[in-house]
PDB file of N, CA and C in Angstrom:
ATOM      1  N   UNK A   1      -2.345  10.882 -18.299  1.00  0.00           N
ATOM      2  CA  UNK A   1      -1.990  10.339 -16.995  1.00  0.00           C
ATOM      3  C   UNK A   1      -2.837  10.941 -15.872  1.00  0.00           C
ATOM      4  N   UNK A   2      -3.695  11.875 -16.185  1.00  0.00           N
ATOM      5  CA  UNK A   2      -4.478  12.549 -15.156  1.00  0.00           C
ATOM      6  C   UNK A   2      -5.426  11.601 -14.412  1.00  0.00           C
ATOM      7  N   UNK A   3      -6.005  10.635 -15.082  1.00  0.00           N
ATOM      8  CA  UNK A   3      -7.009   9.794 -14.470  1.00  0.00           C
ATOM      9  C   UNK A   3      -6.494   8.511 -13.858  1.00  0.00           C
ATOM     10  N   UNK A   4      -5.196   8.278 -13.891  1.00  0.00           N
ATOM     11  CA  UNK A   4      -4.662   6.999 -13.438  1.00  0.00           C
ATOM     12  C   UNK A   4      -3.574   7.182 -12.395  1.00  0.00           C
ATOM     13  N   UNK A   5      -3.479   6.222 -11.488  1.00  0.00           N
ATOM     14  CA  UNK A   5      -2.379   6.202 -10.531  1.00  0.00           C
ATOM     15  C   UNK A   5      -1.104   5.852 -11.276  1.00  0.00           C
ATOM     16  N   UNK A   6      -0.038   6.588 -11.025  1.00  0.00           N
ATOM     17  CA  UNK A   6       1.235   6.283 -11.669  1.00  0.00           C
ATOM     18  C   UNK A   6       1.893   5.058 -11.061  1.00  0.00           C
ATOM     19  N   UNK A   7       1.636   4.819  -9.794  1.00  0.00           N
ATOM     20  CA  UNK A   7       2.316   3.737  -9.083  1.00  0.00           C
ATOM     21  C   UNK A   7       1.295   2.817  -8.421  1.00  0.00           C
ATOM     22  N   UNK A   8       0.338   2.360  -9.195  1.00  0.00           N
ATOM     23  CA  UNK A   8      -0.757   1.550  -8.682  1.00  0.00           C
ATOM     24  C   UNK A   8      -0.269   0.359  -7.859  1.00  0.00           C
ATOM     25  N   UNK A   9       0.804  -0.274  -8.280  1.00  0.00           N
ATOM     26  CA  UNK A   9       1.306  -1.461  -7.587  1.00  0.00           C
ATOM     27  C   UNK A   9       2.310  -1.105  -6.497  1.00  0.00           C
ATOM     28  N   UNK A  10       2.475   0.169  -6.203  1.00  0.00           N
ATOM     29  CA  UNK A  10       3.344   0.627  -5.111  1.00  0.00           C
ATOM     30  C   UNK A  10       4.795   0.209  -5.323  1.00  0.00           C
ATOM     31  N   UNK A  11       5.236   0.250  -6.563  1.00  0.00           N
ATOM     32  CA  UNK A  11       6.608  -0.133  -6.881  1.00  0.00           C
ATOM     33  C   UNK A  11       7.654   0.793  -6.273  1.00  0.00           C
ATOM     34  N   UNK A  12       7.271   2.018  -5.947  1.00  0.00           N
ATOM     35  CA  UNK A  12       8.231   2.958  -5.361  1.00  0.00           C
ATOM     36  C   UNK A  12       8.305   2.856  -3.840  1.00  0.00           C
ATOM     37  N   UNK A  13       7.459   2.021  -3.236  1.00  0.00           N
ATOM     38  CA  UNK A  13       7.468   1.879  -1.766  1.00  0.00           C
ATOM     39  C   UNK A  13       8.837   1.510  -1.222  1.00  0.00           C
ATOM     40  N   UNK A  14       9.443   0.502  -1.812  1.00  0.00           N
ATOM     41  CA  UNK A  14      10.733   0.026  -1.303  1.00  0.00           C
ATOM     42  C   UNK A  14      11.766   1.145  -1.335  1.00  0.00           C
ATOM     43  N   UNK A  15      11.883   1.830  -2.459  1.00  0.00           N
ATOM     44  CA  UNK A  15      12.854   2.908  -2.579  1.00  0.00           C
ATOM     45  C   UNK A  15      12.554   4.042  -1.591  1.00  0.00           C
ATOM     46  N   UNK A  16      11.286   4.393  -1.429  1.00  0.00           N
ATOM     47  CA  UNK A  16      10.902   5.457  -0.496  1.00  0.00           C
ATOM     48  C   UNK A  16      11.229   5.070   0.940  1.00  0.00           C
ATOM     49  N   UNK A  17      10.893   3.854   1.320  1.00  0.00           N
ATOM     50  CA  UNK A  17      11.144   3.415   2.694  1.00  0.00           C
ATOM     51  C   UNK A  17      12.636   3.256   2.965  1.00  0.00           C
ATOM     52  N   UNK A  18      13.387   2.774   1.992  1.00  0.00           N
ATOM     53  CA  UNK A  18      14.834   2.667   2.188  1.00  0.00           C
ATOM     54  C   UNK A  18      15.456   4.058   2.325  1.00  0.00           C
ATOM     55  N   UNK A  19      14.983   5.024   1.531  1.00  0.00           N
ATOM     56  CA  UNK A  19      15.502   6.391   1.641  1.00  0.00           C
ATOM     57  C   UNK A  19      15.190   6.957   3.024  1.00  0.00           C
ATOM     58  N   UNK A  20      13.954   6.768   3.483  1.00  0.00           N
ATOM     59  CA  UNK A  20      13.557   7.290   4.794  1.00  0.00           C
ATOM     60  C   UNK A  20      14.301   6.583   5.918  1.00  0.00           C
ATOM     61  N   UNK A  21      14.508   5.297   5.796  1.00  0.00           N
ATOM     62  CA  UNK A  21      15.266   4.538   6.792  1.00  0.00           C
ATOM     63  C   UNK A  21      16.694   5.064   6.889  1.00  0.00           C
ATOM     64  N   UNK A  22      17.331   5.313   5.752  1.00  0.00           N
ATOM     65  CA  UNK A  22      18.688   5.888   5.749  1.00  0.00           C
ATOM     66  C   UNK A  22      18.697   7.288   6.350  1.00  0.00           C
ATOM     67  N   UNK A  23      17.660   8.073   6.058  1.00  0.00           N
ATOM     68  CA  UNK A  23      17.523   9.415   6.636  1.00  0.00           C
ATOM     69  C   UNK A  23      17.445   9.332   8.156  1.00  0.00           C
ATOM     70  N   UNK A  24      16.641   8.399   8.676  1.00  0.00           N
ATOM     71  CA  UNK A  24      16.521   8.221  10.125  1.00  0.00           C
ATOM     72  C   UNK A  24      17.861   7.826  10.732  1.00  0.00           C
ATOM     73  N   UNK A  25      18.548   6.889  10.098  1.00  0.00           N
ATOM     74  CA  UNK A  25      19.853   6.450  10.607  1.00  0.00           C
ATOM     75  C   UNK A  25      20.853   7.599  10.614  1.00  0.00           C
ATOM     76  N   UNK A  26      20.913   8.352   9.530  1.00  0.00           N
ATOM     77  CA  UNK A  26      21.863   9.463   9.409  1.00  0.00           C
ATOM     78  C   UNK A  26      21.616  10.547  10.454  1.00  0.00           C
ATOM     79  N   UNK A  27      20.347  10.791  10.778  1.00  0.00           N
ATOM     80  CA  UNK A  27      19.989  11.854  11.723  1.00  0.00           C
ATOM     81  C   UNK A  27      19.652  11.321  13.118  1.00  0.00           C
ATOM     82  N   UNK A  28      19.915  10.031  13.342  1.00  0.00           N
ATOM     83  CA  UNK A  28      19.693   9.387  14.645  1.00  0.00           C
ATOM     84  C   UNK A  28      18.255   9.581  15.122  1.00  0.00           C
ATOM     85  N   UNK A  29      17.312   9.329  14.246  1.00  0.00           N
ATOM     86  CA  UNK A  29      15.891   9.477  14.553  1.00  0.00           C
ATOM     87  C   UNK A  29      15.301   8.100  14.818  1.00  0.00           C
ATOM     88  N   UNK A  30      14.555   8.000  15.905  1.00  0.00           N
ATOM     89  CA  UNK A  30      13.877   6.737  16.218  1.00  0.00           C
ATOM     90  C   UNK A  30      12.565   7.059  16.932  1.00  0.00           C
ATOM     91  N   UNK A  31      11.807   6.034  17.192  1.00  0.00           N
ATOM     92  CA  UNK A  31      10.531   6.167  17.889  1.00  0.00           C
ATOM     93  C   UNK A  31       9.606   7.168  17.212  1.00  0.00           C
ATOM     94  N   UNK A  32       9.445   7.023  15.931  1.00  0.00           N
ATOM     95  CA  UNK A  32       8.565   7.904  15.180  1.00  0.00           C
ATOM     96  C   UNK A  32       7.421   7.098  14.561  1.00  0.00           C
ATOM     97  N   UNK A  33       6.413   7.814  14.150  1.00  0.00           N
ATOM     98  CA  UNK A  33       5.270   7.212  13.505  1.00  0.00           C
ATOM     99  C   UNK A  33       5.265   7.622  12.043  1.00  0.00           C
ATOM    100  N   UNK A  34       5.162   6.640  11.154  1.00  0.00           N
ATOM    101  CA  UNK A  34       5.155   6.894   9.714  1.00  0.00           C
ATOM    102  C   UNK A  34       3.813   6.439   9.154  1.00  0.00           C
ATOM    103  N   UNK A  35       3.165   7.329   8.447  1.00  0.00           N
ATOM    104  CA  UNK A  35       1.937   6.969   7.742  1.00  0.00           C
ATOM    105  C   UNK A  35       2.287   6.729   6.285  1.00  0.00           C
ATOM    106  N   UNK A  36       1.773   5.668   5.734  1.00  0.00           N
ATOM    107  CA  UNK A  36       1.993   5.384   4.325  1.00  0.00           C
ATOM    108  C   UNK A  36       0.659   5.317   3.611  1.00  0.00           C
ATOM    109  N   UNK A  37       0.575   5.980   2.479  1.00  0.00           N
ATOM    110  CA  UNK A  37      -0.623   5.918   1.645  1.00  0.00           C
ATOM    111  C   UNK A  37      -0.715   4.583   0.918  1.00  0.00           C
ATOM    112  N   UNK A  38       0.321   3.783   1.014  1.00  0.00           N
ATOM    113  CA  UNK A  38       0.389   2.517   0.295  1.00  0.00           C
ATOM    114  C   UNK A  38      -0.556   1.486   0.890  1.00  0.00           C
ATOM    115  N   UNK A  39      -0.960   0.585   0.053  1.00  0.00           N
ATOM    116  CA  UNK A  39      -1.774  -0.548   0.505  1.00  0.00           C
ATOM    117  C   UNK A  39      -0.898  -1.751   0.835  1.00  0.00           C
ATOM    118  N   UNK A  40       0.415  -1.594   0.671  1.00  0.00           N
ATOM    119  CA  UNK A  40       1.353  -2.688   0.884  1.00  0.00           C
ATOM    120  C   UNK A  40       1.520  -2.998   2.365  1.00  0.00           C
ATOM    121  N   UNK A  41       1.551  -4.272   2.693  1.00  0.00           N
ATOM    122  CA  UNK A  41       1.772  -4.697   4.075  1.00  0.00           C
ATOM    123  C   UNK A  41       3.255  -4.882   4.367  1.00  0.00           C
ATOM    124  N   UNK A  42       4.112  -4.673   3.383  1.00  0.00           N
ATOM    125  CA  UNK A  42       5.542  -4.942   3.553  1.00  0.00           C
ATOM    126  C   UNK A  42       6.338  -3.728   4.038  1.00  0.00           C
ATOM    127  N   UNK A  43       5.666  -2.606   4.291  1.00  0.00           N
ATOM    128  CA  UNK A  43       6.402  -1.394   4.635  1.00  0.00           C
ATOM    129  C   UNK A  43       7.186  -1.529   5.932  1.00  0.00           C
ATOM    130  N   UNK A  44       6.631  -2.194   6.914  1.00  0.00           N
ATOM    131  CA  UNK A  44       7.355  -2.353   8.175  1.00  0.00           C
ATOM    132  C   UNK A  44       8.608  -3.210   7.991  1.00  0.00           C
ATOM    133  N   UNK A  45       8.631  -4.052   6.982  1.00  0.00           N
ATOM    134  CA  UNK A  45       9.821  -4.843   6.669  1.00  0.00           C
ATOM    135  C   UNK A  45      10.989  -3.930   6.297  1.00  0.00           C
ATOM    136  N   UNK A  46      10.700  -2.884   5.554  1.00  0.00           N
ATOM    137  CA  UNK A  46      11.741  -1.958   5.120  1.00  0.00           C
ATOM    138  C   UNK A  46      12.114  -0.947   6.204  1.00  0.00           C
ATOM    139  N   UNK A  47      11.312  -0.822   7.252  1.00  0.00           N
ATOM    140  CA  UNK A  47      11.538   0.179   8.284  1.00  0.00           C
ATOM    141  C   UNK A  47      11.488  -0.453   9.676  1.00  0.00           C
ATOM    142  N   UNK A  48      12.391  -1.359   9.989  1.00  0.00           N
ATOM    143  CA  UNK A  48      12.303  -2.038  11.290  1.00  0.00           C
ATOM    144  C   UNK A  48      12.517  -1.115  12.483  1.00  0.00           C
ATOM    145  N   UNK A  49      13.193   0.026  12.296  1.00  0.00           N
ATOM    146  CA  UNK A  49      13.458   0.915  13.426  1.00  0.00           C
ATOM    147  C   UNK A  49      12.291   1.852  13.732  1.00  0.00           C
ATOM    148  N   UNK A  50      11.254   1.821  12.928  1.00  0.00           N
ATOM    149  CA  UNK A  50      10.105   2.684  13.159  1.00  0.00           C
ATOM    150  C   UNK A  50       9.145   1.990  14.109  1.00  0.00           C
ATOM    151  N   UNK A  51       8.706   2.721  15.099  1.00  0.00           N
ATOM    152  CA  UNK A  51       7.804   2.156  16.092  1.00  0.00           C
ATOM    153  C   UNK A  51       6.443   1.841  15.486  1.00  0.00           C
ATOM    154  N   UNK A  52       5.964   2.712  14.623  1.00  0.00           N
ATOM    155  CA  UNK A  52       4.607   2.553  14.142  1.00  0.00           C
ATOM    156  C   UNK A  52       4.493   2.947  12.677  1.00  0.00           C
ATOM    157  N   UNK A  53       4.211   1.974  11.822  1.00  0.00           N
ATOM    158  CA  UNK A  53       3.789   2.286  10.459  1.00  0.00           C
ATOM    159  C   UNK A  53       2.274   2.299  10.589  1.00  0.00           C
ATOM    160  N   UNK A  54       1.722   3.506  10.810  1.00  0.00           N
ATOM    161  CA  UNK A  54       0.358   3.590  11.309  1.00  0.00           C
ATOM    162  C   UNK A  54      -0.693   3.782  10.244  1.00  0.00           C
ATOM    163  N   UNK A  55      -1.923   3.737  10.696  1.00  0.00           N
ATOM    164  CA  UNK A  55      -3.063   3.914   9.815  1.00  0.00           C
ATOM    165  C   UNK A  55      -3.789   5.225  10.093  1.00  0.00           C
ATOM    166  N   UNK A  56      -3.245   6.065  10.978  1.00  0.00           N
ATOM    167  CA  UNK A  56      -3.872   7.345  11.292  1.00  0.00           C
ATOM    168  C   UNK A  56      -2.973   8.480  10.819  1.00  0.00           C
ATOM    169  N   UNK A  57      -3.337   9.078   9.716  1.00  0.00           N
ATOM    170  CA  UNK A  57      -2.522  10.126   9.113  1.00  0.00           C
ATOM    171  C   UNK A  57      -2.373  11.335  10.040  1.00  0.00           C
ATOM    172  N   UNK A  58      -3.357  11.557  10.897  1.00  0.00           N
ATOM    173  CA  UNK A  58      -3.325  12.713  11.801  1.00  0.00           C
ATOM    174  C   UNK A  58      -2.279  12.570  12.911  1.00  0.00           C
ATOM    175  N   UNK A  59      -1.799  11.360  13.160  1.00  0.00           N
ATOM    176  CA  UNK A  59      -0.826  11.127  14.231  1.00  0.00           C
ATOM    177  C   UNK A  59       0.586  10.861  13.713  1.00  0.00           C
ATOM    178  N   UNK A  60       0.791  11.039  12.424  1.00  0.00           N
ATOM    179  CA  UNK A  60       2.074  10.708  11.811  1.00  0.00           C
ATOM    180  C   UNK A  60       3.117  11.797  12.015  1.00  0.00           C
ATOM    181  N   UNK A  61       4.375  11.366  12.164  1.00  0.00           N
ATOM    182  CA  UNK A  61       5.516  12.278  12.167  1.00  0.00           C
ATOM    183  C   UNK A  61       6.049  12.452  10.744  1.00  0.00           C
ATOM    184  N   UNK A  62       5.901  11.383   9.943  1.00  0.00           N
ATOM    185  CA  UNK A  62       6.347  11.374   8.553  1.00  0.00           C
ATOM    186  C   UNK A  62       5.262  10.706   7.721  1.00  0.00           C
ATOM    187  N   UNK A  63       5.168  11.115   6.464  1.00  0.00           N
ATOM    188  CA  UNK A  63       4.171  10.548   5.563  1.00  0.00           C
ATOM    189  C   UNK A  63       4.864  10.177   4.253  1.00  0.00           C
ATOM    190  N   UNK A  64       4.599   8.964   3.776  1.00  0.00           N
ATOM    191  CA  UNK A  64       5.084   8.517   2.471  1.00  0.00           C
ATOM    192  C   UNK A  64       3.847   8.297   1.623  1.00  0.00           C
ATOM    193  N   UNK A  65       3.769   9.003   0.490  1.00  0.00           N
ATOM    194  CA  UNK A  65       2.511   8.981  -0.240  1.00  0.00           C
ATOM    195  C   UNK A  65       2.699   8.969  -1.748  1.00  0.00           C
ATOM    196  N   UNK A  66       1.917   8.144  -2.414  1.00  0.00           N
ATOM    197  CA  UNK A  66       1.832   8.157  -3.870  1.00  0.00           C
ATOM    198  C   UNK A  66       0.381   8.194  -4.331  1.00  0.00           C
ATOM    199  N   UNK A  67      -0.522   7.711  -3.534  1.00  0.00           N
ATOM    200  CA  UNK A  67      -1.932   7.604  -3.886  1.00  0.00           C
ATOM    201  C   UNK A  67      -2.549   8.995  -4.064  1.00  0.00           C
ATOM    202  N   UNK A  68      -3.160   9.259  -5.211  1.00  0.00           N
ATOM    203  CA  UNK A  68      -3.667  10.602  -5.518  1.00  0.00           C
ATOM    204  C   UNK A  68      -4.679  11.112  -4.495  1.00  0.00           C
ATOM    205  N   UNK A  69      -5.578  10.259  -4.038  1.00  0.00           N
ATOM    206  CA  UNK A  69      -6.601  10.685  -3.075  1.00  0.00           C
ATOM    207  C   UNK A  69      -5.955  11.089  -1.761  1.00  0.00           C
ATOM    208  N   UNK A  70      -5.094  10.238  -1.215  1.00  0.00           N
ATOM    209  CA  UNK A  70      -4.417  10.550   0.043  1.00  0.00           C
ATOM    210  C   UNK A  70      -3.457  11.722  -0.129  1.00  0.00           C
ATOM    211  N   UNK A  71      -2.757  11.779  -1.251  1.00  0.00           N
ATOM    212  CA  UNK A  71      -1.823  12.867  -1.507  1.00  0.00           C
ATOM    213  C   UNK A  71      -2.563  14.198  -1.544  1.00  0.00           C
ATOM    214  N   UNK A  72      -3.720  14.223  -2.134  1.00  0.00           N
ATOM    215  CA  UNK A  72      -4.538  15.433  -2.173  1.00  0.00           C
ATOM    216  C   UNK A  72      -4.918  15.862  -0.760  1.00  0.00           C
ATOM    217  N   UNK A  73      -5.301  14.901   0.093  1.00  0.00           N
ATOM    218  CA  UNK A  73      -5.649  15.201   1.487  1.00  0.00           C
ATOM    219  C   UNK A  73      -4.433  15.778   2.214  1.00  0.00           C
ATOM    220  N   UNK A  74      -3.275  15.149   2.046  1.00  0.00           N
ATOM    221  CA  UNK A  74      -2.049  15.615   2.694  1.00  0.00           C
ATOM    222  C   UNK A  74      -1.747  17.048   2.266  1.00  0.00           C
ATOM    223  N   UNK A  75      -1.824  17.308   0.973  1.00  0.00           N
ATOM    224  CA  UNK A  75      -1.483  18.625   0.467  1.00  0.00           C
ATOM    225  C   UNK A  75      -2.442  19.702   0.959  1.00  0.00           C
ATOM    226  N   UNK A  76      -3.708  19.358   1.157  1.00  0.00           N
ATOM    227  CA  UNK A  76      -4.710  20.345   1.552  1.00  0.00           C
ATOM    228  C   UNK A  76      -4.839  20.523   3.059  1.00  0.00           C
ATOM    229  N   UNK A  77      -4.591  19.490   3.856  1.00  0.00           N
ATOM    230  CA  UNK A  77      -4.976  19.521   5.261  1.00  0.00           C
ATOM    231  C   UNK A  77      -3.852  19.357   6.275  1.00  0.00           C
ATOM    232  N   UNK A  78      -2.670  19.044   5.847  1.00  0.00           N
ATOM    233  CA  UNK A  78      -1.605  18.765   6.811  1.00  0.00           C
ATOM    234  C   UNK A  78      -0.431  19.693   6.553  1.00  0.00           C
ATOM    235  N   UNK A  79       0.036  20.345   7.618  1.00  0.00           N
ATOM    236  CA  UNK A  79       1.211  21.213   7.503  1.00  0.00           C
ATOM    237  C   UNK A  79       2.438  20.317   7.482  1.00  0.00           C
ATOM    238  N   UNK A  80       3.186  20.398   6.388  1.00  0.00           N
ATOM    239  CA  UNK A  80       4.294  19.470   6.186  1.00  0.00           C
ATOM    240  C   UNK A  80       5.348  20.094   5.291  1.00  0.00           C
ATOM    241  N   UNK A  81       6.505  19.427   5.262  1.00  0.00           N
ATOM    242  CA  UNK A  81       7.602  19.803   4.376  1.00  0.00           C
ATOM    243  C   UNK A  81       7.979  18.581   3.550  1.00  0.00           C
ATOM    244  N   UNK A  82       8.306  18.802   2.292  1.00  0.00           N
ATOM    245  CA  UNK A  82       8.764  17.690   1.458  1.00  0.00           C
ATOM    246  C   UNK A  82      10.220  17.400   1.790  1.00  0.00           C
ATOM    247  N   UNK A  83      10.492  16.148   2.166  1.00  0.00           N
ATOM    248  CA  UNK A  83      11.864  15.716   2.431  1.00  0.00           C
ATOM    249  C   UNK A  83      12.528  15.179   1.173  1.00  0.00           C
ATOM    250  N   UNK A  84      11.765  14.409   0.401  1.00  0.00           N
ATOM    251  CA  UNK A  84      12.360  13.718  -0.747  1.00  0.00           C
ATOM    252  C   UNK A  84      11.248  13.264  -1.687  1.00  0.00           C
ATOM    253  N   UNK A  85      11.572  13.150  -2.955  1.00  0.00           N
ATOM    254  CA  UNK A  85      10.641  12.618  -3.940  1.00  0.00           C
ATOM    255  C   UNK A  85      11.312  11.486  -4.704  1.00  0.00           C
ATOM    256  N   UNK A  86      10.569  10.418  -4.914  1.00  0.00           N
ATOM    257  CA  UNK A  86      11.024   9.310  -5.739  1.00  0.00           C
ATOM    258  C   UNK A  86      10.532   9.620  -7.150  1.00  0.00           C
ATOM    259  N   UNK A  87      11.468   9.751  -8.077  1.00  0.00           N
ATOM    260  CA  UNK A  87      11.122  10.156  -9.441  1.00  0.00           C
ATOM    261  C   UNK A  87      11.645   9.172 -10.463  1.00  0.00           C
ATOM    262  N   UNK A  88      10.975   9.174 -11.589  1.00  0.00           N
ATOM    263  CA  UNK A  88      11.452   8.517 -12.801  1.00  0.00           C
ATOM    264  C   UNK A  88      11.436   9.611 -13.860  1.00  0.00           C
ATOM    265  N   UNK A  89      12.601  10.103 -14.230  1.00  0.00           N
ATOM    266  CA  UNK A  89      12.669  11.272 -15.104  1.00  0.00           C
ATOM    267  C   UNK A  89      12.132  12.469 -14.336  1.00  0.00           C
ATOM    268  N   UNK A  90      11.172  13.154 -14.911  1.00  0.00           N
ATOM    269  CA  UNK A  90      10.559  14.300 -14.250  1.00  0.00           C
ATOM    270  C   UNK A  90       9.251  13.956 -13.553  1.00  0.00           C
ATOM    271  N   UNK A  91       8.891  12.684 -13.519  1.00  0.00           N
ATOM    272  CA  UNK A  91       7.620  12.264 -12.946  1.00  0.00           C
ATOM    273  C   UNK A  91       7.823  11.803 -11.503  1.00  0.00           C
ATOM    274  N   UNK A  92       7.053  12.381 -10.574  1.00  0.00           N
ATOM    275  CA  UNK A  92       7.124  12.006  -9.160  1.00  0.00           C
ATOM    276  C   UNK A  92       6.225  10.799  -8.922  1.00  0.00           C
ATOM    277  N   UNK A  93       6.819   9.742  -8.386  1.00  0.00           N
ATOM    278  CA  UNK A  93       6.075   8.531  -8.072  1.00  0.00           C
ATOM    279  C   UNK A  93       5.663   8.471  -6.610  1.00  0.00           C
ATOM    280  N   UNK A  94       6.499   8.982  -5.739  1.00  0.00           N
ATOM    281  CA  UNK A  94       6.205   8.935  -4.312  1.00  0.00           C
ATOM    282  C   UNK A  94       6.857  10.142  -3.649  1.00  0.00           C
ATOM    283  N   UNK A  95       6.184  10.692  -2.639  1.00  0.00           N
ATOM    284  CA  UNK A  95       6.682  11.861  -1.928  1.00  0.00           C
ATOM    285  C   UNK A  95       6.812  11.530  -0.448  1.00  0.00           C
ATOM    286  N   UNK A  96       7.919  11.938   0.146  1.00  0.00           N
ATOM    287  CA  UNK A  96       8.162  11.741   1.582  1.00  0.00           C
ATOM    288  C   UNK A  96       8.049  13.107   2.242  1.00  0.00           C
ATOM    289  N   UNK A  97       7.134  13.196   3.217  1.00  0.00           N
ATOM    290  CA  UNK A  97       6.886  14.443   3.945  1.00  0.00           C
ATOM    291  C   UNK A  97       7.316  14.311   5.396  1.00  0.00           C
ATOM    292  N   UNK A  98       7.780  15.398   5.978  1.00  0.00           N
ATOM    293  CA  UNK A  98       7.947  15.512   7.425  1.00  0.00           C
ATOM    294  C   UNK A  98       6.823  16.412   7.904  1.00  0.00           C
ATOM    295  N   UNK A  99       6.037  15.928   8.847  1.00  0.00           N
ATOM    296  CA  UNK A  99       4.923  16.713   9.375  1.00  0.00           C
ATOM    297  C   UNK A  99       5.497  17.783  10.295  1.00  0.00           C
ATOM    298  N   UNK A 100       5.099  19.037  10.045  1.00  0.00           N
ATOM    299  CA  UNK A 100       5.610  20.174  10.822  1.00  0.00           C
ATOM    300  C   UNK A 100       4.859  20.312  12.151  1.00  0.00           C
TER     301      UNK A 100
END
């Protein structure tokens, strides 16, 4: 599994965005910017209360990531905390970060 994306078709996007949306509702969070490593255009559908599902990772308040290249960048260059992981068994498909 080292050379392949586990979630090439972004199947975990919906679950990740729904989890983050519920997190925002529970903590009364709004007007935030979310960066997604996904290539899916449907992310804003799952997160209507988010002001910006943006394309600039440097300006994000939260990051949802599964793509190995972007995930590597996030892990190396951005100060963040893991909020939640979307898993199947022990395998992480998508990670939700809060930018510190």
